[in-house]
Protein backbone atom coordinates (compact mmCIF):
# COMPACT_ATOMS: atom_id res chain seq x y z
CA MET A 1 0.00 0.00 0.00
CA GLY A 2 2.81 2.39 0.88
CA GLY A 3 4.61 1.53 -2.34
CA SER A 4 1.61 2.35 -4.51
CA LEU A 5 1.20 5.78 -2.88
CA SER A 6 4.87 6.66 -3.46
CA LEU A 7 4.59 5.60 -7.11
CA PHE A 8 1.49 7.77 -7.61
CA SER A 9 3.19 10.78 -6.02
CA LYS A 10 6.22 10.44 -8.35
CA GLN A 11 3.97 10.27 -11.44
CA THR A 12 2.09 13.34 -10.26
CA GLU A 13 5.34 15.29 -9.82
CA GLN A 14 6.52 14.25 -13.29
CA ASP A 15 3.24 15.38 -14.82
CA ASP A 16 3.48 18.74 -13.05
CA GLY A 17 7.05 19.20 -14.29
CA GLN A 18 5.99 18.47 -17.84
CA ASP A 19 3.11 20.96 -17.53
CA ILE A 20 5.51 23.61 -16.23
CA LEU A 21 7.97 23.00 -19.09
CA THR A 22 5.40 22.91 -21.82
CA SER A 23 3.05 25.64 -20.67
CA PRO A 24 5.12 28.67 -21.86
CA LEU A 25 5.57 27.17 -25.32
CA GLU A 26 1.92 26.28 -25.59
CA ASP A 27 0.95 29.77 -24.35
CA SER A 28 3.18 31.44 -26.93
CA GLN A 29 1.81 29.22 -29.68
CA SER A 30 -1.74 30.00 -28.61
CA GLU A 31 -0.96 33.74 -28.52
CA ASP A 32 0.63 33.61 -31.97
CA GLY A 33 -2.35 31.80 -33.30
CA LYS A 34 -4.83 34.22 -31.79
CA GLY A 35 -3.32 37.71 -31.83
CA GLY A 36 -0.71 37.69 -34.61
CA ASP A 37 1.30 40.97 -34.33
CA VAL A 38 1.89 42.20 -30.79
CA SER A 39 1.73 45.81 -31.93
CA GLN A 40 -2.01 45.45 -32.46
CA PHE A 41 -2.60 45.27 -28.71
CA PRO A 42 -3.71 48.49 -26.98
CA TYR A 43 -1.36 50.58 -24.88
CA VAL A 44 -1.01 49.26 -21.29
CA GLU A 45 0.69 51.14 -18.47
CA PHE A 46 2.81 48.68 -16.44
CA THR A 47 3.07 50.04 -12.95
CA GLY A 48 5.08 48.37 -10.30
CA ARG A 49 7.22 49.06 -7.32
CA ASP A 50 9.71 51.35 -9.21
CA SER A 51 7.36 52.88 -11.81
CA VAL A 52 5.14 55.95 -11.78
CA THR A 53 2.15 56.64 -13.98
CA CYS A 54 2.89 59.33 -16.66
CA PRO A 55 1.16 62.56 -15.56
CA THR A 56 0.68 63.69 -19.16
CA CYS A 57 -1.31 60.84 -20.61
CA GLN A 58 -2.52 59.36 -17.29
CA GLY A 59 -1.73 55.88 -18.54
CA THR A 60 -3.90 56.19 -21.69
CA GLY A 61 -0.93 56.46 -24.10
CA ARG A 62 -2.43 59.56 -25.77
CA ILE A 63 -1.43 63.22 -25.52
CA PRO A 64 -4.30 65.60 -24.67
CA ARG A 65 -5.46 67.64 -27.64
CA GLY A 66 -4.18 71.21 -27.61
CA GLN A 67 -0.83 70.36 -25.99
CA GLU A 68 1.01 69.22 -29.12
CA ASN A 69 3.07 72.43 -29.29
CA GLN A 70 3.77 72.53 -25.54
CA LEU A 71 5.18 69.06 -24.85
CA VAL A 72 8.77 68.07 -25.57
CA ALA A 73 9.68 64.53 -26.66
CA LEU A 74 12.94 63.05 -25.45
CA ILE A 75 14.77 61.13 -28.17
CA PRO A 76 17.78 58.89 -27.45
CA TYR A 77 21.10 60.16 -28.79
CA SER A 78 21.50 56.97 -30.82
CA ASP A 79 18.23 57.59 -32.68
CA GLN A 80 18.72 57.55 -36.45
CA ARG A 81 16.61 60.69 -36.85
CA LEU A 82 19.32 62.71 -35.10
CA ARG A 83 22.00 61.63 -37.55
CA PRO A 84 22.30 63.84 -40.66
CA ARG A 85 21.87 62.03 -43.94
CA ARG A 86 23.68 63.18 -47.10
CA THR A 87 24.36 66.57 -45.61
CA LYS A 88 27.55 67.09 -47.60
CA LEU A 89 25.75 66.15 -50.79
CA TYR A 90 22.92 68.62 -50.19
CA VAL A 91 25.30 71.42 -49.21
CA SER A 92 27.53 70.82 -52.23
CA ALA A 93 24.55 70.71 -54.59
CA SER A 94 23.19 73.95 -53.12
CA VAL A 95 26.53 75.71 -53.54
CA VAL A 96 26.88 74.52 -57.13
CA VAL A 97 23.34 75.65 -58.00
CA CYS A 98 23.90 79.07 -56.40
CA LEU A 99 27.17 79.55 -58.27
CA LEU A 100 25.56 78.51 -61.54
CA LEU A 101 22.63 80.89 -61.09
CA SER A 102 24.95 83.72 -60.09
CA SER A 103 27.16 83.14 -63.12
CA LEU A 104 24.18 83.13 -65.45
CA ALA A 105 22.80 86.30 -63.88
CA VAL A 106 26.15 88.07 -64.22
CA PHE A 107 26.56 86.89 -67.81
CA PHE A 108 23.14 88.03 -68.99
CA LEU A 109 22.78 91.19 -66.86
CA PHE A 110 26.33 92.51 -67.21
CA PRO A 111 26.05 95.83 -69.11
CA ARG A 112 27.65 95.85 -72.54
CA SER A 113 28.41 98.73 -74.85
CA ILE A 114 25.82 100.33 -77.12
CA ASP A 115 27.37 101.08 -80.50
CA VAL A 116 26.35 104.18 -82.43
CA SER A 117 27.55 104.55 -86.01
CA TYR A 118 26.80 107.42 -88.34
CA ALA A 119 25.37 106.08 -91.61
CA GLY A 120 25.49 109.46 -93.38
CA VAL A 121 23.16 112.04 -94.83
CA LYS A 122 19.91 110.64 -96.10
CA THR A 123 18.34 113.72 -97.69
CA VAL A 124 19.08 117.44 -97.99
CA PHE A 125 16.31 119.91 -98.73
CA VAL A 126 17.67 123.31 -99.87
CA SER A 127 15.84 126.65 -100.04
CA TYR A 128 16.97 130.26 -100.45
CA ASP A 129 15.95 133.71 -99.25
CA GLN A 130 17.11 136.15 -101.88
CA GLU A 131 16.32 139.27 -99.85
CA LYS A 132 18.22 138.15 -96.77
CA ARG A 133 20.80 136.29 -98.89
CA SER A 134 20.30 133.22 -96.72
CA VAL A 135 20.57 129.51 -97.43
CA TYR A 136 18.31 127.05 -95.58
CA LEU A 137 19.35 123.40 -95.34
CA ASN A 138 17.16 120.70 -93.79
CA ILE A 139 19.62 117.84 -93.34
CA THR A 140 18.23 114.40 -92.52
CA ASN A 141 20.82 112.00 -91.11
CA THR A 142 20.75 108.29 -90.33
CA LEU A 143 22.19 106.56 -87.27
CA ASN A 144 22.76 102.85 -86.72
CA ILE A 145 22.33 101.98 -83.04
CA THR A 146 23.33 98.45 -82.00
CA ASN A 147 22.31 96.90 -78.67
CA ASN A 148 24.90 94.34 -77.55
CA ASN A 149 23.07 93.48 -74.33
CA TYR A 150 20.81 90.54 -73.53
CA TYR A 151 18.01 92.90 -72.51
CA SER A 152 16.13 95.73 -74.20
CA VAL A 153 17.36 99.31 -74.07
CA GLU A 154 15.54 102.53 -74.87
CA VAL A 155 16.83 105.48 -76.85
CA ALA A 156 15.64 108.36 -74.69
CA ASN A 157 16.74 111.25 -76.90
CA ILE A 158 19.10 112.29 -79.70
CA THR A 159 20.75 115.69 -79.61
CA ALA A 160 22.48 116.98 -82.74
CA GLN A 161 24.05 120.14 -84.03
CA VAL A 162 25.74 121.23 -87.27
CA GLN A 163 28.75 123.55 -87.52
CA PHE A 164 30.07 125.38 -90.55
CA ALA A 165 33.29 127.39 -90.38
CA LYS A 166 33.35 126.86 -86.58
CA THR A 167 29.90 128.42 -86.28
CA VAL A 168 26.83 126.53 -85.14
CA ILE A 169 24.27 126.83 -87.93
CA GLY A 170 21.65 124.38 -86.65
CA LYS A 171 20.48 122.34 -83.65
CA SER A 172 17.82 119.70 -83.05
CA ARG A 173 16.65 117.34 -80.34
CA LEU A 174 14.68 114.13 -80.98
CA THR A 175 12.77 112.95 -77.91
CA ASN A 176 10.73 110.08 -79.33
CA THR A 177 11.48 107.05 -77.17
CA THR A 178 12.57 104.04 -79.23
CA ALA A 179 13.11 100.54 -77.81
CA ILE A 180 15.83 98.30 -79.20
CA SER A 181 15.50 94.56 -78.66
CA PRO A 182 18.33 92.44 -77.22
CA LEU A 183 21.23 91.88 -79.64
CA ASP A 184 19.46 93.95 -82.28
CA MET A 185 20.26 96.96 -84.44
CA LYS A 186 17.92 99.76 -85.42
CA GLN A 187 18.23 102.68 -87.82
CA ILE A 188 16.98 106.05 -86.61
CA ASP A 189 16.59 109.15 -88.81
CA TYR A 190 16.77 112.65 -87.41
CA MET A 191 16.56 116.03 -89.14
CA VAL A 192 18.59 119.14 -88.32
CA PRO A 193 17.32 122.47 -89.74
CA THR A 194 20.23 124.77 -90.53
CA ILE A 195 20.60 128.33 -91.86
CA ILE A 196 23.61 130.03 -93.41
CA ALA A 197 23.14 133.80 -93.13
CA ASP A 198 24.38 137.04 -91.59
CA GLU A 199 28.19 137.19 -91.67
CA MET A 200 28.24 134.11 -93.87
CA ASN A 201 25.82 135.48 -96.49
CA TYR A 202 28.59 135.24 -99.06
CA MET A 203 27.73 131.55 -99.25
CA TYR A 204 24.48 132.53 -100.95
CA ASP A 205 26.42 133.53 -104.06
CA TYR A 206 28.37 130.28 -104.02
CA CYS A 207 25.36 128.02 -103.52
CA THR A 208 23.34 129.76 -106.28
CA LEU A 209 26.18 130.00 -108.78
CA GLN A 210 24.99 128.47 -112.06
CA THR A 211 28.38 127.90 -113.63
CA ILE A 212 29.18 124.93 -111.36
CA LYS A 213 27.08 121.80 -110.97
CA VAL A 214 28.09 120.65 -107.50
CA HIS A 215 28.16 123.10 -104.60
CA ASN A 216 29.70 121.02 -101.85
CA ILE A 217 30.41 122.48 -98.45
CA VAL A 218 31.97 120.72 -95.46
CA VAL A 219 29.96 120.76 -92.26
CA MET A 220 30.71 119.09 -88.94
CA MET A 221 27.99 116.85 -87.51
CA GLN A 222 27.86 116.38 -83.74
CA VAL A 223 25.40 113.89 -82.30
CA THR A 224 24.78 112.58 -78.77
CA VAL A 225 22.58 109.54 -78.17
CA THR A 226 21.16 108.94 -74.67
CA THR A 227 20.07 105.39 -73.87
CA THR A 228 18.48 104.03 -70.69
CA TYR A 229 18.26 100.54 -69.19
CA PHE A 230 17.40 99.45 -65.64
CA GLY A 231 17.11 103.10 -64.63
CA HIS A 232 20.67 103.82 -65.78
CA ALA A 233 21.36 106.44 -68.47
CA GLU A 234 24.30 106.21 -70.87
CA GLN A 235 25.43 108.72 -73.48
CA VAL A 236 27.38 108.05 -76.68
CA SER A 237 28.70 110.98 -78.71
CA GLN A 238 30.17 111.20 -82.18
CA GLU A 239 31.64 113.88 -84.41
CA MET A 240 32.18 113.66 -88.16
CA TYR A 241 32.70 115.93 -91.14
CA GLN A 242 30.19 115.61 -93.96
CA TYR A 243 29.98 116.95 -97.51
CA VAL A 244 26.66 118.63 -98.23
CA ASP A 245 25.52 120.04 -101.59
CA CYS A 246 23.94 123.43 -101.00
CA GLY A 247 23.10 123.93 -104.69
CA GLY A 248 20.03 121.69 -104.79
CA ASN A 249 18.01 118.93 -103.16
CA THR A 250 19.84 115.62 -102.79
CA THR A 251 18.87 112.17 -101.57
CA SER A 252 22.13 110.26 -101.95
CA ILE A 253 24.57 109.64 -99.13
CA ARG A 254 27.72 111.64 -99.60
CA ALA A 255 31.23 110.75 -98.53
CA MET A 256 31.92 111.06 -94.83
CA ILE A 257 35.08 112.02 -92.96
CA SER A 258 35.24 110.85 -89.34
CA CYS A 259 36.78 113.16 -86.80
């Protein structure tokens, strides 16, 4: 009888030991079969002897609405979000882009010269005043203005005067604003009314002399072109000597002598 009781107690202890060894594995298998991913379980505050309930969320795991901009999150130093990623690449790319844009801006916005060339006399209209022994010349000239910039410029005004024998015999000012496109050239005509009279009335006899066919006189043309761009004004001046026929109306361009 005593032997059977001892045998039964040993079997009971063996069965309990097997239950203890197999219960964690079976529990984990049952949990894997039921729940799947552990992250799907709700937030649980584990409080014990050395733990204190968070005063912010009160154990709910949620921050109260309206305090998002007031609370500060503590992130471990080893967190990957604190480590810069490709910083050198971004900085280098930014520097290269800034240098490229600056170079392009300097190249296209750098002011270049505006060339003004005198094309010559286009027409000359001649008239006489026999009583005053005066000669009237309406001289129409042509200018070639070239814009070497990559932006438009405006011709604000053209100021011209004509001298004969070191005496100013005519002045004019053209104020019609003309725009010149980038890298373009435009021809502009301007007329200067002149009069040869008073102490130079002897020229009346020369200009009306019938024995000669061509009555050329040499006059000095002075012209100043004012251009504007980006609020900046620039002036280009030229002087040249020009043959003009005072004996009749002409439309051909005569020879020109630059000063």
